Amino acid sequence: MVNNFELTMKDILQRKIFQHAKVIAGKNGLNKQVRWTHILETNQFESLINGGELILTTGSGLKLESSTELTYIQNLINRHAAGICIEIGTHVTYISDEIIELADQHQFPIIIFDHFVKFVDITQDLHSLIINQHHQMLHQLYELSTRFNELSLLPNGILKILQELHTYLKKRHFISDR
């Protein structure tokens, strides 16, 4: 039946593309769900994210080492972003202690790459995973709907649908209790 799919920051760190990534802050927030990835190279993003996004940035145009860095991270936290990945090197050379402290206080993961990474590869990998899981869930819902339609044509169809639903929910409850 339909699986609970929840991609977390911790899951993402297990992906091959993140093998050289380092979590420098917000380690207590690694169970946050990631709904999507978003590349942000601007600090004017309030209307661009909905929450649950993993933000990817090189820091170009963000001035993450200036006085606006705390505001930038606080805005991401306020918009319920799942976390941020920052490429260290060209545009950002370090993450300040104040940023790390703020991220730790809010359990907001900050992941750094200390070498060049292709954000397109990250987004392709994670989006494929998310979309494939959604497709699988839709397929499972279609199968359940088909089964309900078949049962509705049988004598005592409503009772059989209720029994099938009871079995389905019992399995779901067992899975979520693990």
N, C-alpha and C. Protein backbone atom coordinates (compact mmCIF):
# COMPACT_ATOMS: atom_id res chain seq x y z
N MET A 1 0.84 -1.18 0.00
CA MET A 1 0.00 0.00 0.00
C MET A 1 0.88 1.25 0.00
N VAL A 2 0.31 2.40 0.27
CA VAL A 2 1.03 3.66 0.17
C VAL A 2 2.05 3.77 1.31
N ASN A 3 3.28 4.05 0.94
CA ASN A 3 4.37 4.21 1.91
C ASN A 3 4.45 5.65 2.38
N ASN A 4 4.92 5.80 3.63
CA ASN A 4 5.28 7.14 4.10
C ASN A 4 6.66 7.42 3.56
N PHE A 5 6.79 8.43 2.76
CA PHE A 5 8.10 8.80 2.26
C PHE A 5 8.46 10.14 2.83
N GLU A 6 9.55 10.18 3.53
CA GLU A 6 10.02 11.44 4.09
C GLU A 6 11.52 11.47 3.91
N LEU A 7 11.97 12.36 3.06
CA LEU A 7 13.39 12.55 2.83
C LEU A 7 13.90 13.57 3.83
N THR A 8 14.86 13.17 4.64
CA THR A 8 15.38 14.06 5.67
C THR A 8 16.77 14.54 5.30
N MET A 9 17.23 15.53 6.03
CA MET A 9 18.59 16.02 5.85
C MET A 9 19.59 14.89 6.08
N LYS A 10 19.30 14.05 7.07
CA LYS A 10 20.18 12.91 7.36
C LYS A 10 20.24 11.96 6.16
N ASP A 11 19.10 11.71 5.51
CA ASP A 11 19.07 10.86 4.32
C ASP A 11 19.91 11.45 3.20
N ILE A 12 19.80 12.74 3.04
CA ILE A 12 20.53 13.42 1.97
C ILE A 12 22.04 13.27 2.16
N LEU A 13 22.48 13.36 3.40
CA LEU A 13 23.91 13.24 3.68
C LEU A 13 24.46 11.86 3.36
N GLN A 14 23.58 10.87 3.21
CA GLN A 14 24.00 9.52 2.85
C GLN A 14 24.17 9.35 1.34
N ARG A 15 23.69 10.31 0.58
CA ARG A 15 23.79 10.23 -0.88
C ARG A 15 25.25 10.41 -1.30
N LYS A 16 25.63 9.74 -2.38
CA LYS A 16 27.01 9.77 -2.86
C LYS A 16 27.49 11.20 -3.12
N ILE A 17 26.61 12.02 -3.66
CA ILE A 17 26.99 13.38 -4.02
C ILE A 17 27.36 14.22 -2.79
N PHE A 18 26.98 13.76 -1.61
CA PHE A 18 27.28 14.48 -0.36
C PHE A 18 28.43 13.83 0.42
N GLN A 19 29.17 12.94 -0.22
CA GLN A 19 30.21 12.20 0.51
C GLN A 19 31.31 13.10 1.08
N HIS A 20 31.55 14.26 0.48
CA HIS A 20 32.59 15.16 0.98
C HIS A 20 32.01 16.37 1.71
N ALA A 21 30.71 16.38 1.92
CA ALA A 21 30.06 17.50 2.60
C ALA A 21 30.30 17.40 4.11
N LYS A 22 30.29 18.54 4.77
CA LYS A 22 30.48 18.59 6.22
C LYS A 22 29.35 19.39 6.85
N VAL A 23 28.75 18.84 7.89
CA VAL A 23 27.74 19.56 8.66
C VAL A 23 28.49 20.36 9.71
N ILE A 24 28.39 21.68 9.62
CA ILE A 24 29.12 22.54 10.56
C ILE A 24 28.21 23.17 11.61
N ALA A 25 26.91 23.07 11.43
CA ALA A 25 25.98 23.65 12.40
C ALA A 25 24.61 22.97 12.25
N GLY A 26 23.81 23.07 13.30
CA GLY A 26 22.44 22.58 13.24
C GLY A 26 22.31 21.07 13.18
N LYS A 27 23.25 20.35 13.77
CA LYS A 27 23.23 18.88 13.71
C LYS A 27 21.96 18.29 14.33
N ASN A 28 21.36 18.99 15.27
CA ASN A 28 20.11 18.50 15.88
C ASN A 28 18.91 18.67 14.96
N GLY A 29 19.10 19.29 13.81
CA GLY A 29 18.01 19.47 12.86
C GLY A 29 18.09 18.54 11.66
N LEU A 30 18.91 17.51 11.75
CA LEU A 30 19.09 16.62 10.59
C LEU A 30 17.89 15.73 10.31
N ASN A 31 16.91 15.74 11.20
CA ASN A 31 15.68 14.97 10.95
C ASN A 31 14.63 15.80 10.22
N LYS A 32 14.96 17.04 9.87
CA LYS A 32 14.00 17.88 9.14
C LYS A 32 13.73 17.29 7.76
N GLN A 33 12.47 17.37 7.37
CA GLN A 33 12.07 16.86 6.06
C GLN A 33 12.47 17.84 4.96
N VAL A 34 12.99 17.28 3.88
CA VAL A 34 13.33 18.06 2.70
C VAL A 34 12.28 17.76 1.63
N ARG A 35 11.56 18.80 1.23
CA ARG A 35 10.51 18.64 0.22
C ARG A 35 11.02 18.94 -1.18
N TRP A 36 12.10 19.73 -1.28
CA TRP A 36 12.61 20.15 -2.59
C TRP A 36 13.97 20.79 -2.37
N THR A 37 14.70 21.02 -3.45
CA THR A 37 15.94 21.80 -3.36
C THR A 37 15.76 23.08 -4.16
N HIS A 38 16.49 24.09 -3.74
CA HIS A 38 16.38 25.38 -4.41
C HIS A 38 17.74 26.05 -4.40
N ILE A 39 18.20 26.50 -5.56
CA ILE A 39 19.44 27.24 -5.64
C ILE A 39 19.10 28.72 -5.45
N LEU A 40 19.70 29.33 -4.43
CA LEU A 40 19.44 30.75 -4.14
C LEU A 40 20.76 31.51 -4.15
N GLU A 41 20.83 32.49 -4.98
CA GLU A 41 22.01 33.36 -5.03
C GLU A 41 21.58 34.81 -4.81
N THR A 42 20.52 34.97 -4.04
CA THR A 42 20.01 36.30 -3.71
C THR A 42 19.55 36.29 -2.26
N ASN A 43 19.57 37.45 -1.64
CA ASN A 43 19.04 37.53 -0.28
C ASN A 43 17.60 38.04 -0.27
N GLN A 44 17.03 38.24 -1.43
CA GLN A 44 15.62 38.65 -1.56
C GLN A 44 14.81 37.43 -2.00
N PHE A 45 14.55 36.52 -1.09
CA PHE A 45 13.97 35.23 -1.46
C PHE A 45 12.63 34.94 -0.80
N GLU A 46 12.11 35.87 -0.04
CA GLU A 46 10.91 35.60 0.75
C GLU A 46 9.77 35.00 -0.07
N SER A 47 9.59 35.46 -1.30
CA SER A 47 8.50 34.93 -2.12
C SER A 47 8.93 33.72 -2.95
N LEU A 48 10.19 33.32 -2.82
CA LEU A 48 10.71 32.24 -3.66
C LEU A 48 10.65 30.86 -3.01
N ILE A 49 10.54 30.81 -1.70
CA ILE A 49 10.51 29.50 -1.04
C ILE A 49 9.24 29.34 -0.22
N ASN A 50 8.84 28.07 -0.05
CA ASN A 50 7.59 27.77 0.65
C ASN A 50 7.82 27.09 1.99
N GLY A 51 9.03 26.61 2.22
CA GLY A 51 9.33 25.85 3.42
C GLY A 51 9.67 24.42 3.04
N GLY A 52 10.60 23.85 3.76
CA GLY A 52 11.02 22.48 3.50
C GLY A 52 12.09 22.36 2.42
N GLU A 53 12.55 23.48 1.87
CA GLU A 53 13.56 23.40 0.82
C GLU A 53 14.96 23.28 1.43
N LEU A 54 15.79 22.54 0.73
CA LEU A 54 17.22 22.55 0.99
C LEU A 54 17.80 23.61 0.08
N ILE A 55 18.40 24.61 0.66
CA ILE A 55 18.95 25.73 -0.11
C ILE A 55 20.39 25.42 -0.49
N LEU A 56 20.71 25.64 -1.76
CA LEU A 56 22.06 25.46 -2.27
C LEU A 56 22.56 26.83 -2.70
N THR A 57 23.79 27.18 -2.29
CA THR A 57 24.33 28.48 -2.68
C THR A 57 25.84 28.47 -2.75
N THR A 58 26.36 29.25 -3.68
CA THR A 58 27.80 29.51 -3.74
C THR A 58 28.12 30.75 -2.94
N GLY A 59 27.09 31.51 -2.58
CA GLY A 59 27.27 32.76 -1.86
C GLY A 59 27.42 33.95 -2.78
N SER A 60 27.36 33.74 -4.07
CA SER A 60 27.48 34.83 -5.03
C SER A 60 26.33 35.81 -4.83
N GLY A 61 26.66 37.04 -4.55
CA GLY A 61 25.62 38.05 -4.37
C GLY A 61 24.98 38.07 -3.00
N LEU A 62 25.38 37.15 -2.13
CA LEU A 62 24.74 37.09 -0.81
C LEU A 62 25.51 37.84 0.26
N LYS A 63 26.79 38.00 0.07
CA LYS A 63 27.64 38.64 1.06
C LYS A 63 27.47 37.98 2.42
N LEU A 64 27.64 36.65 2.45
CA LEU A 64 27.44 35.90 3.68
C LEU A 64 28.47 36.23 4.75
N GLU A 65 29.51 36.93 4.41
CA GLU A 65 30.51 37.28 5.41
C GLU A 65 30.31 38.71 5.92
N SER A 66 29.25 39.38 5.53
CA SER A 66 28.99 40.76 5.96
C SER A 66 27.99 40.77 7.10
N SER A 67 27.58 41.97 7.48
CA SER A 67 26.63 42.11 8.59
C SER A 67 25.25 41.56 8.25
N THR A 68 24.97 41.29 6.98
CA THR A 68 23.66 40.77 6.59
C THR A 68 23.56 39.26 6.72
N GLU A 69 24.68 38.60 7.06
CA GLU A 69 24.66 37.15 7.10
C GLU A 69 23.68 36.59 8.13
N LEU A 70 23.63 37.22 9.31
CA LEU A 70 22.68 36.75 10.33
C LEU A 70 21.25 36.92 9.87
N THR A 71 20.96 38.05 9.24
CA THR A 71 19.61 38.30 8.74
C THR A 71 19.24 37.27 7.68
N TYR A 72 20.17 36.98 6.80
CA TYR A 72 19.93 35.99 5.74
C TYR A 72 19.56 34.62 6.32
N ILE A 73 20.37 34.13 7.26
CA ILE A 73 20.11 32.82 7.87
C ILE A 73 18.82 32.87 8.69
N GLN A 74 18.60 33.96 9.41
CA GLN A 74 17.36 34.08 10.20
C GLN A 74 16.14 34.06 9.29
N ASN A 75 16.21 34.70 8.14
CA ASN A 75 15.10 34.68 7.19
C ASN A 75 14.85 33.28 6.66
N LEU A 76 15.91 32.53 6.39
CA LEU A 76 15.73 31.13 5.96
C LEU A 76 15.05 30.31 7.05
N ILE A 77 15.48 30.53 8.28
CA ILE A 77 14.86 29.83 9.41
C ILE A 77 13.39 30.22 9.53
N ASN A 78 13.10 31.52 9.43
CA ASN A 78 11.71 32.00 9.52
C ASN A 78 10.83 31.45 8.40
N ARG A 79 11.42 31.22 7.22
CA ARG A 79 10.67 30.68 6.07
C ARG A 79 10.63 29.15 6.11
N HIS A 80 11.16 28.55 7.16
CA HIS A 80 11.12 27.10 7.39
C HIS A 80 11.89 26.30 6.34
N ALA A 81 12.99 26.86 5.87
CA ALA A 81 13.87 26.08 4.99
C ALA A 81 14.40 24.90 5.81
N ALA A 82 14.67 23.79 5.13
CA ALA A 82 15.16 22.60 5.83
C ALA A 82 16.62 22.74 6.24
N GLY A 83 17.38 23.47 5.46
CA GLY A 83 18.80 23.65 5.73
C GLY A 83 19.44 24.36 4.55
N ILE A 84 20.75 24.57 4.64
CA ILE A 84 21.47 25.24 3.57
C ILE A 84 22.80 24.54 3.32
N CYS A 85 23.15 24.43 2.05
CA CYS A 85 24.46 23.93 1.62
C CYS A 85 25.20 25.11 1.00
N ILE A 86 26.41 25.33 1.47
CA ILE A 86 27.20 26.47 1.00
C ILE A 86 28.52 25.95 0.44
N GLU A 87 28.82 26.40 -0.75
CA GLU A 87 30.11 26.08 -1.34
C GLU A 87 31.15 27.07 -0.83
N ILE A 88 32.16 26.55 -0.16
CA ILE A 88 33.23 27.39 0.39
C ILE A 88 34.31 27.53 -0.68
N GLY A 89 34.75 28.76 -0.88
CA GLY A 89 35.81 28.96 -1.87
C GLY A 89 35.74 30.30 -2.53
N THR A 90 35.13 30.36 -3.68
CA THR A 90 35.14 31.56 -4.50
C THR A 90 34.46 32.75 -3.84
N HIS A 91 33.24 32.59 -3.37
CA HIS A 91 32.46 33.71 -2.85
C HIS A 91 32.39 33.74 -1.32
N VAL A 92 32.48 32.59 -0.70
CA VAL A 92 32.43 32.49 0.76
C VAL A 92 33.68 31.73 1.21
N THR A 93 34.43 32.33 2.11
CA THR A 93 35.66 31.67 2.56
C THR A 93 35.51 31.05 3.95
N TYR A 94 34.55 31.51 4.72
CA TYR A 94 34.30 30.91 6.03
C TYR A 94 32.89 31.26 6.47
N ILE A 95 32.42 30.52 7.47
CA ILE A 95 31.12 30.79 8.09
C ILE A 95 31.42 31.28 9.50
N SER A 96 30.88 32.44 9.85
CA SER A 96 31.20 33.05 11.14
C SER A 96 30.63 32.24 12.30
N ASP A 97 31.24 32.44 13.46
CA ASP A 97 30.78 31.77 14.68
C ASP A 97 29.35 32.18 15.03
N GLU A 98 29.00 33.44 14.73
CA GLU A 98 27.63 33.93 15.02
C GLU A 98 26.60 33.17 14.20
N ILE A 99 26.93 32.88 12.94
CA ILE A 99 26.02 32.10 12.09
C ILE A 99 25.88 30.68 12.61
N ILE A 100 26.99 30.09 12.97
CA ILE A 100 26.97 28.72 13.50
C ILE A 100 26.15 28.66 14.78
N GLU A 101 26.32 29.65 15.64
CA GLU A 101 25.55 29.69 16.89
C GLU A 101 24.05 29.85 16.62
N LEU A 102 23.69 30.75 15.71
CA LEU A 102 22.29 30.95 15.35
C LEU A 102 21.69 29.66 14.79
N ALA A 103 22.41 29.01 13.89
CA ALA A 103 21.92 27.77 13.28
C ALA A 103 21.77 26.67 14.33
N ASP A 104 22.72 26.57 15.24
CA ASP A 104 22.61 25.56 16.30
C ASP A 104 21.41 25.83 17.19
N GLN A 105 21.18 27.10 17.53
CA GLN A 105 20.04 27.46 18.40
C GLN A 105 18.71 27.05 17.76
N HIS A 106 18.63 27.15 16.44
CA HIS A 106 17.38 26.87 15.74
C HIS A 106 17.37 25.51 15.05
N GLN A 107 18.38 24.70 15.35
CA GLN A 107 18.49 23.37 14.74
C GLN A 107 18.36 23.47 13.22
N PHE A 108 19.10 24.41 12.66
CA PHE A 108 19.08 24.68 11.22
C PHE A 108 20.40 24.19 10.63
N PRO A 109 20.37 23.05 9.91
CA PRO A 109 21.60 22.49 9.39
C PRO A 109 22.29 23.39 8.35
N ILE A 110 23.59 23.59 8.56
CA ILE A 110 24.43 24.24 7.58
C ILE A 110 25.47 23.20 7.14
N ILE A 111 25.46 22.94 5.86
CA ILE A 111 26.36 21.96 5.25
C ILE A 111 27.29 22.72 4.33
N ILE A 112 28.57 22.40 4.42
CA ILE A 112 29.51 23.08 3.53
C ILE A 112 30.17 22.07 2.60
N PHE A 113 30.50 22.58 1.43
CA PHE A 113 31.33 21.86 0.47
C PHE A 113 32.61 22.68 0.36
N ASP A 114 33.74 22.07 0.67
CA ASP A 114 34.98 22.82 0.57
C ASP A 114 35.67 22.63 -0.77
N HIS A 115 34.91 22.17 -1.74
CA HIS A 115 35.40 22.05 -3.11
C HIS A 115 34.22 22.32 -4.05
N PHE A 116 34.51 22.53 -5.30
CA PHE A 116 33.47 22.82 -6.29
C PHE A 116 32.51 21.65 -6.40
N VAL A 117 31.22 21.94 -6.38
CA VAL A 117 30.19 20.93 -6.61
C VAL A 117 29.23 21.45 -7.67
N LYS A 118 28.66 20.54 -8.41
CA LYS A 118 27.68 20.93 -9.43
C LYS A 118 26.29 20.85 -8.79
N PHE A 119 25.72 22.02 -8.53
CA PHE A 119 24.40 22.05 -7.92
C PHE A 119 23.35 21.37 -8.80
N VAL A 120 23.56 21.41 -10.10
CA VAL A 120 22.61 20.75 -11.00
C VAL A 120 22.61 19.24 -10.73
N ASP A 121 23.74 18.66 -10.39
CA ASP A 121 23.79 17.23 -10.07
C ASP A 121 23.06 16.93 -8.77
N ILE A 122 23.20 17.83 -7.79
CA ILE A 122 22.50 17.65 -6.51
C ILE A 122 20.99 17.74 -6.73
N THR A 123 20.56 18.79 -7.42
CA THR A 123 19.11 18.95 -7.63
C THR A 123 18.55 17.81 -8.46
N GLN A 124 19.27 17.37 -9.47
CA GLN A 124 18.80 16.26 -10.30
C GLN A 124 18.66 14.98 -9.47
N ASP A 125 19.66 14.71 -8.65
CA ASP A 125 19.64 13.51 -7.81
C ASP A 125 18.47 13.55 -6.83
N LEU A 126 18.35 14.65 -6.09
CA LEU A 126 17.31 14.73 -5.06
C LEU A 126 15.92 14.87 -5.66
N HIS A 127 15.77 15.64 -6.73
CA HIS A 127 14.45 15.78 -7.35
C HIS A 127 13.99 14.46 -7.96
N SER A 128 14.92 13.72 -8.56
CA SER A 128 14.56 12.40 -9.10
C SER A 128 14.07 11.49 -7.99
N LEU A 129 14.76 11.50 -6.87
CA LEU A 129 14.35 10.67 -5.73
C LEU A 129 12.96 11.07 -5.24
N ILE A 130 12.74 12.36 -5.07
CA ILE A 130 11.45 12.85 -4.57
C ILE A 130 10.33 12.54 -5.56
N ILE A 131 10.56 12.82 -6.83
CA ILE A 131 9.53 12.59 -7.86
C ILE A 131 9.23 11.10 -8.01
N ASN A 132 10.25 10.27 -7.99
CA ASN A 132 10.03 8.83 -8.11
C ASN A 132 9.21 8.30 -6.93
N GLN A 133 9.47 8.81 -5.74
CA GLN A 133 8.69 8.39 -4.58
C GLN A 133 7.23 8.85 -4.70
N HIS A 134 7.03 10.07 -5.19
CA HIS A 134 5.65 10.55 -5.39
C HIS A 134 4.94 9.70 -6.45
N HIS A 135 5.66 9.35 -7.49
CA HIS A 135 5.07 8.51 -8.54
C HIS A 135 4.69 7.14 -7.97
N GLN A 136 5.55 6.58 -7.15
CA GLN A 136 5.26 5.29 -6.54
C GLN A 136 4.02 5.38 -5.64
N MET A 137 3.91 6.47 -4.89
CA MET A 137 2.74 6.66 -4.03
C MET A 137 1.46 6.77 -4.86
N LEU A 138 1.52 7.51 -5.96
CA LEU A 138 0.35 7.62 -6.84
C LEU A 138 -0.04 6.28 -7.42
N HIS A 139 0.95 5.49 -7.79
CA HIS A 139 0.68 4.17 -8.34
C HIS A 139 0.00 3.28 -7.28
N GLN A 140 0.49 3.36 -6.04
CA GLN A 140 -0.11 2.57 -4.97
C GLN A 140 -1.54 3.03 -4.67
N LEU A 141 -1.78 4.33 -4.74
CA LEU A 141 -3.15 4.84 -4.55
C LEU A 141 -4.07 4.37 -5.67
N TYR A 142 -3.54 4.34 -6.88
CA TYR A 142 -4.32 3.85 -8.02
C TYR A 142 -4.71 2.38 -7.80
N GLU A 143 -3.76 1.57 -7.34
CA GLU A 143 -4.05 0.16 -7.08
C GLU A 143 -5.11 0.01 -5.99
N LEU A 144 -5.02 0.81 -4.95
CA LEU A 144 -6.01 0.75 -3.87
C LEU A 144 -7.38 1.17 -4.39
N SER A 145 -7.43 2.21 -5.18
CA SER A 145 -8.69 2.66 -5.76
C SER A 145 -9.30 1.60 -6.67
N THR A 146 -8.48 0.96 -7.46
CA THR A 146 -8.95 -0.12 -8.34
C THR A 146 -9.52 -1.26 -7.51
N ARG A 147 -8.83 -1.60 -6.43
CA ARG A 147 -9.32 -2.67 -5.55
C ARG A 147 -10.66 -2.29 -4.94
N PHE A 148 -10.82 -1.05 -4.51
CA PHE A 148 -12.10 -0.61 -3.96
C PHE A 148 -13.21 -0.69 -5.01
N ASN A 149 -12.91 -0.30 -6.23
CA ASN A 149 -13.91 -0.40 -7.30
C ASN A 149 -14.33 -1.84 -7.54
N GLU A 150 -13.37 -2.76 -7.54
CA GLU A 150 -13.69 -4.18 -7.73
C GLU A 150 -14.58 -4.68 -6.60
N LEU A 151 -14.22 -4.31 -5.38
CA LEU A 151 -15.00 -4.77 -4.23
C LEU A 151 -16.40 -4.17 -4.22
N SER A 152 -16.56 -2.97 -4.75
CA SER A 152 -17.87 -2.33 -4.75
C SER A 152 -18.87 -3.05 -5.65
N LEU A 153 -18.38 -3.84 -6.59
CA LEU A 153 -19.25 -4.58 -7.50
C LEU A 153 -19.68 -5.93 -6.94
N LEU A 154 -19.10 -6.37 -5.85
CA LEU A 154 -19.42 -7.65 -5.23
C LEU A 154 -20.60 -7.51 -4.26
N PRO A 155 -21.27 -8.62 -3.97
CA PRO A 155 -22.29 -8.57 -2.92
C PRO A 155 -21.64 -8.13 -1.60
N ASN A 156 -22.34 -7.33 -0.86
CA ASN A 156 -21.79 -6.76 0.38
C ASN A 156 -20.51 -5.97 0.11
N GLY A 157 -20.48 -5.28 -1.02
CA GLY A 157 -19.29 -4.55 -1.45
C GLY A 157 -18.82 -3.53 -0.45
N ILE A 158 -19.76 -2.80 0.15
CA ILE A 158 -19.38 -1.77 1.11
C ILE A 158 -18.68 -2.40 2.32
N LEU A 159 -19.19 -3.53 2.78
CA LEU A 159 -18.57 -4.23 3.90
C LEU A 159 -17.16 -4.68 3.51
N LYS A 160 -17.02 -5.21 2.31
CA LYS A 160 -15.70 -5.66 1.85
C LYS A 160 -14.72 -4.49 1.70
N ILE A 161 -15.23 -3.36 1.24
CA ILE A 161 -14.37 -2.15 1.15
C ILE A 161 -13.92 -1.73 2.55
N LEU A 162 -14.86 -1.76 3.50
CA LEU A 162 -14.51 -1.38 4.87
C LEU A 162 -13.49 -2.35 5.47
N GLN A 163 -13.64 -3.65 5.16
CA GLN A 163 -12.66 -4.63 5.65
C GLN A 163 -11.28 -4.37 5.03
N GLU A 164 -11.28 -4.09 3.73
CA GLU A 164 -10.02 -3.79 3.04
C GLU A 164 -9.38 -2.52 3.62
N LEU A 165 -10.20 -1.52 3.87
CA LEU A 165 -9.71 -0.28 4.45
C LEU A 165 -9.16 -0.51 5.86
N HIS A 166 -9.86 -1.34 6.63
CA HIS A 166 -9.40 -1.67 7.98
C HIS A 166 -8.03 -2.36 7.91
N THR A 167 -7.88 -3.33 7.02
CA THR A 167 -6.61 -4.03 6.84
C THR A 167 -5.52 -3.05 6.43
N TYR A 168 -5.85 -2.16 5.49
CA TYR A 168 -4.89 -1.17 5.01
C TYR A 168 -4.43 -0.25 6.13
N LEU A 169 -5.39 0.27 6.90
CA LEU A 169 -5.05 1.20 7.98
C LEU A 169 -4.29 0.49 9.10
N LYS A 170 -4.61 -0.76 9.34
CA LYS A 170 -3.90 -1.52 10.36
C LYS A 170 -2.43 -1.69 9.95
N LYS A 171 -2.18 -1.95 8.67
CA LYS A 171 -0.80 -2.07 8.18
C LYS A 171 -0.10 -0.73 8.29
N ARG A 172 -0.79 0.34 7.95
CA ARG A 172 -0.20 1.69 8.02
C ARG A 172 0.16 2.03 9.46
N HIS A 173 -0.73 1.69 10.40
CA HIS A 173 -0.47 1.98 11.81
C HIS A 173 0.76 1.21 12.28
N PHE A 174 0.88 -0.05 11.88
CA PHE A 174 2.01 -0.87 12.26
C PHE A 174 3.30 -0.28 11.70
N ILE A 175 3.28 0.18 10.46
CA ILE A 175 4.46 0.76 9.84
C ILE A 175 4.86 2.05 10.54
N SER A 176 3.90 2.90 10.88
CA SER A 176 4.24 4.19 11.50
C SER A 176 4.69 4.02 12.95
N ASP A 177 4.37 2.90 13.59
CA ASP A 177 4.80 2.67 14.97
C ASP A 177 6.25 2.21 15.05
N ARG A 178 6.82 1.80 13.95
CA ARG A 178 8.20 1.30 13.99
C ARG A 178 9.19 2.38 14.15
